[in-house]
Amino acid sequence: MALITYIVEDSATIRENLISTLEEIAPVKVVGFAETEHEASRWLSDHNGDWQLAIVDLFLKEGSGLGVLKGCQNRHAGQKVVVLTNYATKDIRRRCAELGSDAVFDKSNELDQLLDYCTATTNHGLH
């Protein structure tokens, strides 16, 4: 069963490549995307029982992925929020964890780990 996934990424090229890779390799079905904090927060809140995984970039056209994380703190127990960023420093990982992120992945060298996370989440019935 595919994870119902929402993407928060403002780069159309990265977003399109990510969606095609996720849907081809991992058990993921992307149901939508946002380019801004406000748009993402509104969709995730309005559809709070309709998604299982949100993949969030930190730097957006407007606002920040950190604001999206804050907005997801009251999500259902089975809903996962992960950060996919070019700036996966130790401090960013800590800050994301404090805001409730389930994981942080570096865009440049941890895409395989993101795919593995999606597969493991599905296989272990964590959704």
N, C-alpha and C. Protein backbone atom coordinates (compact mmCIF):
# COMPACT_ATOMS: atom_id res chain seq x y z
N MET A 1 0.84 -1.19 0.00
CA MET A 1 0.00 0.00 0.00
C MET A 1 0.88 1.24 0.00
N ALA A 2 0.57 2.19 -0.84
CA ALA A 2 1.38 3.40 -0.99
C ALA A 2 1.07 4.41 0.11
N LEU A 3 2.12 5.11 0.54
CA LEU A 3 1.96 6.20 1.50
C LEU A 3 1.35 7.40 0.79
N ILE A 4 0.27 7.93 1.32
CA ILE A 4 -0.35 9.14 0.77
C ILE A 4 0.54 10.31 1.21
N THR A 5 1.17 10.95 0.22
CA THR A 5 2.26 11.88 0.51
C THR A 5 1.99 13.27 -0.06
N TYR A 6 2.39 14.28 0.70
CA TYR A 6 2.28 15.69 0.31
C TYR A 6 3.69 16.27 0.30
N ILE A 7 4.03 17.01 -0.74
CA ILE A 7 5.37 17.56 -0.91
C ILE A 7 5.34 19.07 -0.71
N VAL A 8 6.28 19.59 0.08
CA VAL A 8 6.43 21.03 0.26
C VAL A 8 7.81 21.40 -0.27
N GLU A 9 7.83 21.89 -1.51
CA GLU A 9 9.08 22.19 -2.22
C GLU A 9 8.79 23.28 -3.25
N ASP A 10 9.58 24.36 -3.24
CA ASP A 10 9.30 25.47 -4.15
C ASP A 10 10.03 25.38 -5.49
N SER A 11 10.98 24.51 -5.64
CA SER A 11 11.67 24.34 -6.92
C SER A 11 10.91 23.32 -7.76
N ALA A 12 10.35 23.78 -8.88
CA ALA A 12 9.57 22.89 -9.74
C ALA A 12 10.42 21.73 -10.24
N THR A 13 11.66 21.98 -10.60
CA THR A 13 12.53 20.92 -11.11
C THR A 13 12.79 19.86 -10.04
N ILE A 14 13.16 20.30 -8.85
CA ILE A 14 13.41 19.35 -7.76
C ILE A 14 12.14 18.60 -7.42
N ARG A 15 11.03 19.32 -7.33
CA ARG A 15 9.75 18.70 -6.98
C ARG A 15 9.35 17.63 -8.00
N GLU A 16 9.43 17.96 -9.28
CA GLU A 16 9.05 17.00 -10.32
C GLU A 16 9.94 15.77 -10.30
N ASN A 17 11.25 15.96 -10.13
CA ASN A 17 12.18 14.83 -10.06
C ASN A 17 11.93 13.99 -8.81
N LEU A 18 11.67 14.66 -7.70
CA LEU A 18 11.40 13.95 -6.45
C LEU A 18 10.13 13.11 -6.57
N ILE A 19 9.08 13.70 -7.10
CA ILE A 19 7.81 12.98 -7.23
C ILE A 19 7.98 11.76 -8.14
N SER A 20 8.63 11.93 -9.28
CA SER A 20 8.79 10.79 -10.18
C SER A 20 9.65 9.70 -9.56
N THR A 21 10.72 10.09 -8.86
CA THR A 21 11.58 9.10 -8.21
C THR A 21 10.83 8.38 -7.10
N LEU A 22 10.14 9.12 -6.25
CA LEU A 22 9.40 8.50 -5.15
C LEU A 22 8.35 7.52 -5.67
N GLU A 23 7.57 7.95 -6.65
CA GLU A 23 6.48 7.10 -7.13
C GLU A 23 6.99 5.90 -7.91
N GLU A 24 8.19 6.02 -8.49
CA GLU A 24 8.76 4.90 -9.24
C GLU A 24 9.44 3.88 -8.33
N ILE A 25 10.14 4.36 -7.31
CA ILE A 25 10.99 3.48 -6.50
C ILE A 25 10.39 3.14 -5.14
N ALA A 26 9.74 4.07 -4.51
CA ALA A 26 9.22 3.86 -3.16
C ALA A 26 7.70 3.67 -3.22
N PRO A 27 7.13 3.10 -2.17
CA PRO A 27 5.67 2.92 -2.12
C PRO A 27 4.98 4.21 -1.72
N VAL A 28 4.96 5.19 -2.64
CA VAL A 28 4.47 6.53 -2.36
C VAL A 28 3.48 6.95 -3.45
N LYS A 29 2.41 7.61 -3.03
CA LYS A 29 1.47 8.25 -3.96
C LYS A 29 1.37 9.71 -3.55
N VAL A 30 1.89 10.59 -4.38
CA VAL A 30 1.88 12.02 -4.09
C VAL A 30 0.52 12.59 -4.48
N VAL A 31 -0.14 13.24 -3.51
CA VAL A 31 -1.48 13.76 -3.73
C VAL A 31 -1.52 15.28 -3.89
N GLY A 32 -0.38 15.93 -3.70
CA GLY A 32 -0.36 17.37 -3.86
C GLY A 32 0.97 17.96 -3.43
N PHE A 33 1.09 19.27 -3.65
CA PHE A 33 2.32 19.95 -3.26
C PHE A 33 2.02 21.42 -2.97
N ALA A 34 2.96 22.05 -2.29
CA ALA A 34 2.89 23.47 -2.01
C ALA A 34 4.28 24.07 -2.19
N GLU A 35 4.29 25.39 -2.48
CA GLU A 35 5.54 26.11 -2.63
C GLU A 35 5.78 27.11 -1.51
N THR A 36 4.76 27.33 -0.64
CA THR A 36 4.89 28.30 0.44
C THR A 36 4.45 27.68 1.77
N GLU A 37 4.91 28.29 2.84
CA GLU A 37 4.53 27.83 4.18
C GLU A 37 3.01 27.90 4.38
N HIS A 38 2.41 29.02 4.01
CA HIS A 38 0.98 29.22 4.21
C HIS A 38 0.16 28.18 3.44
N GLU A 39 0.49 28.00 2.18
CA GLU A 39 -0.23 27.03 1.33
C GLU A 39 -0.10 25.61 1.91
N ALA A 40 1.10 25.24 2.31
CA ALA A 40 1.34 23.90 2.87
C ALA A 40 0.60 23.72 4.19
N SER A 41 0.72 24.68 5.07
CA SER A 41 0.08 24.57 6.37
C SER A 41 -1.43 24.47 6.24
N ARG A 42 -1.99 25.26 5.34
CA ARG A 42 -3.44 25.23 5.13
C ARG A 42 -3.87 23.85 4.61
N TRP A 43 -3.19 23.33 3.59
CA TRP A 43 -3.58 22.04 3.01
C TRP A 43 -3.44 20.92 4.04
N LEU A 44 -2.31 20.87 4.73
CA LEU A 44 -2.08 19.81 5.70
C LEU A 44 -3.11 19.84 6.83
N SER A 45 -3.49 21.04 7.24
CA SER A 45 -4.50 21.19 8.28
C SER A 45 -5.89 20.82 7.77
N ASP A 46 -6.25 21.32 6.59
CA ASP A 46 -7.57 21.05 6.03
C ASP A 46 -7.78 19.57 5.69
N HIS A 47 -6.69 18.85 5.44
CA HIS A 47 -6.75 17.44 5.05
C HIS A 47 -6.10 16.56 6.12
N ASN A 48 -6.25 16.90 7.38
CA ASN A 48 -5.49 16.27 8.45
C ASN A 48 -5.68 14.78 8.60
N GLY A 49 -6.66 14.17 8.06
CA GLY A 49 -6.76 12.71 8.12
C GLY A 49 -6.46 12.06 6.80
N ASP A 50 -6.13 12.86 5.80
CA ASP A 50 -6.02 12.38 4.43
C ASP A 50 -4.60 12.11 3.95
N TRP A 51 -3.60 12.37 4.76
CA TRP A 51 -2.22 12.15 4.34
C TRP A 51 -1.48 11.34 5.39
N GLN A 52 -0.44 10.66 4.94
CA GLN A 52 0.37 9.82 5.84
C GLN A 52 1.80 10.32 5.96
N LEU A 53 2.29 11.01 4.93
CA LEU A 53 3.67 11.49 4.93
C LEU A 53 3.72 12.87 4.29
N ALA A 54 4.42 13.79 4.95
CA ALA A 54 4.71 15.10 4.37
C ALA A 54 6.23 15.21 4.27
N ILE A 55 6.69 15.60 3.09
CA ILE A 55 8.12 15.82 2.86
C ILE A 55 8.30 17.32 2.66
N VAL A 56 9.09 17.95 3.54
CA VAL A 56 9.14 19.40 3.63
C VAL A 56 10.56 19.93 3.41
N ASP A 57 10.70 20.87 2.49
CA ASP A 57 11.95 21.61 2.34
C ASP A 57 11.93 22.77 3.33
N LEU A 58 13.09 23.23 3.76
CA LEU A 58 13.12 24.31 4.74
C LEU A 58 13.00 25.69 4.11
N PHE A 59 13.56 25.89 2.92
CA PHE A 59 13.58 27.20 2.30
C PHE A 59 12.53 27.23 1.20
N LEU A 60 11.52 28.07 1.38
CA LEU A 60 10.37 28.12 0.48
C LEU A 60 10.22 29.51 -0.13
N LYS A 61 9.36 29.63 -1.14
CA LYS A 61 9.13 30.93 -1.78
C LYS A 61 8.68 31.97 -0.76
N GLU A 62 7.82 31.56 0.14
CA GLU A 62 7.36 32.43 1.23
C GLU A 62 7.32 31.58 2.49
N GLY A 63 7.82 32.13 3.57
CA GLY A 63 7.82 31.39 4.83
C GLY A 63 8.94 30.37 4.86
N SER A 64 8.76 29.39 5.72
CA SER A 64 9.82 28.41 5.96
C SER A 64 9.22 27.04 6.28
N GLY A 65 10.00 26.02 5.99
CA GLY A 65 9.61 24.67 6.36
C GLY A 65 9.51 24.50 7.87
N LEU A 66 10.23 25.31 8.61
CA LEU A 66 10.13 25.23 10.08
C LEU A 66 8.71 25.61 10.52
N GLY A 67 8.12 26.58 9.86
CA GLY A 67 6.73 26.95 10.16
C GLY A 67 5.76 25.83 9.81
N VAL A 68 6.04 25.11 8.72
CA VAL A 68 5.21 23.96 8.35
C VAL A 68 5.31 22.89 9.44
N LEU A 69 6.53 22.64 9.92
CA LEU A 69 6.72 21.66 11.00
C LEU A 69 5.91 22.05 12.24
N LYS A 70 5.97 23.33 12.61
CA LYS A 70 5.20 23.80 13.77
C LYS A 70 3.72 23.51 13.59
N GLY A 71 3.22 23.73 12.38
CA GLY A 71 1.82 23.51 12.10
C GLY A 71 1.41 22.04 12.12
N CYS A 72 2.38 21.14 12.04
CA CYS A 72 2.10 19.70 12.02
C CYS A 72 2.25 19.05 13.39
N GLN A 73 2.49 19.82 14.42
CA GLN A 73 2.76 19.24 15.73
C GLN A 73 1.56 18.50 16.31
N ASN A 74 0.35 18.81 15.88
CA ASN A 74 -0.84 18.14 16.40
C ASN A 74 -1.40 17.11 15.43
N ARG A 75 -0.55 16.59 14.55
CA ARG A 75 -0.99 15.59 13.58
C ARG A 75 -1.30 14.26 14.27
N HIS A 76 -2.00 13.40 13.55
CA HIS A 76 -2.31 12.06 14.06
C HIS A 76 -1.02 11.27 14.26
N ALA A 77 -1.05 10.31 15.17
CA ALA A 77 0.15 9.54 15.52
C ALA A 77 0.77 8.84 14.31
N GLY A 78 -0.02 8.37 13.39
CA GLY A 78 0.50 7.64 12.24
C GLY A 78 1.02 8.52 11.11
N GLN A 79 0.86 9.82 11.22
CA GLN A 79 1.32 10.73 10.17
C GLN A 79 2.77 11.12 10.43
N LYS A 80 3.57 11.02 9.39
CA LYS A 80 5.00 11.33 9.48
C LYS A 80 5.32 12.60 8.71
N VAL A 81 6.24 13.38 9.27
CA VAL A 81 6.73 14.58 8.59
C VAL A 81 8.24 14.51 8.58
N VAL A 82 8.81 14.55 7.38
CA VAL A 82 10.26 14.52 7.24
C VAL A 82 10.71 15.77 6.50
N VAL A 83 11.95 16.15 6.76
CA VAL A 83 12.54 17.32 6.11
C VAL A 83 13.55 16.83 5.09
N LEU A 84 13.49 17.41 3.89
CA LEU A 84 14.45 17.14 2.83
C LEU A 84 15.05 18.48 2.44
N THR A 85 16.33 18.69 2.76
CA THR A 85 16.93 20.01 2.62
C THR A 85 18.37 19.92 2.15
N ASN A 86 18.87 21.02 1.61
CA ASN A 86 20.29 21.12 1.26
C ASN A 86 21.12 21.51 2.46
N TYR A 87 20.48 21.82 3.57
CA TYR A 87 21.18 22.35 4.75
C TYR A 87 20.94 21.46 5.97
N ALA A 88 21.28 20.19 5.84
CA ALA A 88 21.04 19.23 6.91
C ALA A 88 22.20 19.23 7.90
N THR A 89 22.48 20.38 8.47
CA THR A 89 23.55 20.50 9.46
C THR A 89 23.07 19.90 10.79
N LYS A 90 24.00 19.75 11.69
CA LYS A 90 23.66 19.22 13.02
C LYS A 90 22.64 20.11 13.71
N ASP A 91 22.81 21.43 13.62
CA ASP A 91 21.88 22.38 14.25
C ASP A 91 20.49 22.32 13.61
N ILE A 92 20.45 22.22 12.28
CA ILE A 92 19.15 22.13 11.59
C ILE A 92 18.45 20.83 11.98
N ARG A 93 19.18 19.73 12.02
CA ARG A 93 18.59 18.44 12.41
C ARG A 93 18.00 18.53 13.83
N ARG A 94 18.74 19.16 14.73
CA ARG A 94 18.27 19.32 16.11
C ARG A 94 17.01 20.17 16.16
N ARG A 95 17.03 21.30 15.45
CA ARG A 95 15.87 22.21 15.45
C ARG A 95 14.64 21.52 14.86
N CYS A 96 14.83 20.77 13.78
CA CYS A 96 13.71 20.04 13.17
C CYS A 96 13.15 19.00 14.13
N ALA A 97 14.02 18.30 14.82
CA ALA A 97 13.57 17.30 15.80
C ALA A 97 12.78 17.97 16.92
N GLU A 98 13.23 19.13 17.37
CA GLU A 98 12.52 19.87 18.41
C GLU A 98 11.11 20.26 17.97
N LEU A 99 10.94 20.49 16.66
CA LEU A 99 9.64 20.89 16.12
C LEU A 99 8.79 19.69 15.70
N GLY A 100 9.31 18.49 15.93
CA GLY A 100 8.51 17.30 15.70
C GLY A 100 8.78 16.54 14.42
N SER A 101 9.84 16.88 13.71
CA SER A 101 10.18 16.14 12.49
C SER A 101 10.52 14.70 12.85
N ASP A 102 10.06 13.77 12.02
CA ASP A 102 10.37 12.36 12.24
C ASP A 102 11.75 11.99 11.70
N ALA A 103 12.25 12.76 10.74
CA ALA A 103 13.58 12.52 10.17
C ALA A 103 13.98 13.74 9.34
N VAL A 104 15.30 13.85 9.10
CA VAL A 104 15.84 14.90 8.24
C VAL A 104 16.79 14.23 7.25
N PHE A 105 16.64 14.58 5.98
CA PHE A 105 17.48 14.02 4.93
C PHE A 105 18.11 15.14 4.12
N ASP A 106 19.37 14.95 3.75
CA ASP A 106 20.09 15.91 2.92
C ASP A 106 19.80 15.60 1.45
N LYS A 107 19.36 16.62 0.71
CA LYS A 107 19.02 16.44 -0.71
C LYS A 107 20.20 15.93 -1.52
N SER A 108 21.40 16.37 -1.16
CA SER A 108 22.56 16.07 -2.00
C SER A 108 23.08 14.65 -1.83
N ASN A 109 22.89 14.04 -0.66
CA ASN A 109 23.50 12.71 -0.49
C ASN A 109 22.69 11.74 0.37
N GLU A 110 21.44 12.04 0.69
CA GLU A 110 20.65 11.12 1.50
C GLU A 110 19.30 10.77 0.88
N LEU A 111 19.19 10.88 -0.44
CA LEU A 111 17.94 10.53 -1.11
C LEU A 111 17.64 9.03 -0.96
N ASP A 112 18.67 8.20 -1.04
CA ASP A 112 18.47 6.76 -0.85
C ASP A 112 17.90 6.46 0.54
N GLN A 113 18.37 7.20 1.54
CA GLN A 113 17.86 7.00 2.90
C GLN A 113 16.39 7.42 2.98
N LEU A 114 16.00 8.48 2.27
CA LEU A 114 14.59 8.87 2.22
C LEU A 114 13.75 7.76 1.59
N LEU A 115 14.21 7.21 0.49
CA LEU A 115 13.48 6.12 -0.17
C LEU A 115 13.37 4.92 0.77
N ASP A 116 14.46 4.59 1.45
CA ASP A 116 14.43 3.49 2.43
C ASP A 116 13.45 3.78 3.56
N TYR A 117 13.40 5.03 4.01
CA TYR A 117 12.47 5.43 5.07
C TYR A 117 11.03 5.20 4.62
N CYS A 118 10.72 5.61 3.40
CA CYS A 118 9.36 5.43 2.88
C CYS A 118 9.00 3.95 2.82
N THR A 119 9.92 3.13 2.34
CA THR A 119 9.68 1.69 2.25
C THR A 119 9.51 1.08 3.63
N ALA A 120 10.40 1.44 4.55
CA ALA A 120 10.32 0.90 5.91
C ALA A 120 9.03 1.31 6.60
N THR A 121 8.61 2.56 6.40
CA THR A 121 7.38 3.05 7.02
C THR A 121 6.19 2.25 6.53
N THR A 122 6.16 1.96 5.23
CA THR A 122 5.07 1.17 4.66
C THR A 122 5.14 -0.28 5.13
N ASN A 123 6.33 -0.87 5.08
CA ASN A 123 6.49 -2.28 5.43
C ASN A 123 6.21 -2.59 6.89
N HIS A 124 6.45 -1.63 7.75
CA HIS A 124 6.24 -1.86 9.18
C HIS A 124 4.88 -1.38 9.66
N GLY A 125 4.04 -1.00 8.73
CA GLY A 125 2.70 -0.60 9.09
C GLY A 125 2.64 0.64 9.98
N LEU A 126 3.62 1.52 9.81
CA LEU A 126 3.68 2.71 10.66
C LEU A 126 2.81 3.83 10.12
N HIS A 127 2.09 3.61 9.07
CA HIS A 127 1.22 4.65 8.51
C HIS A 127 -0.20 4.49 8.93
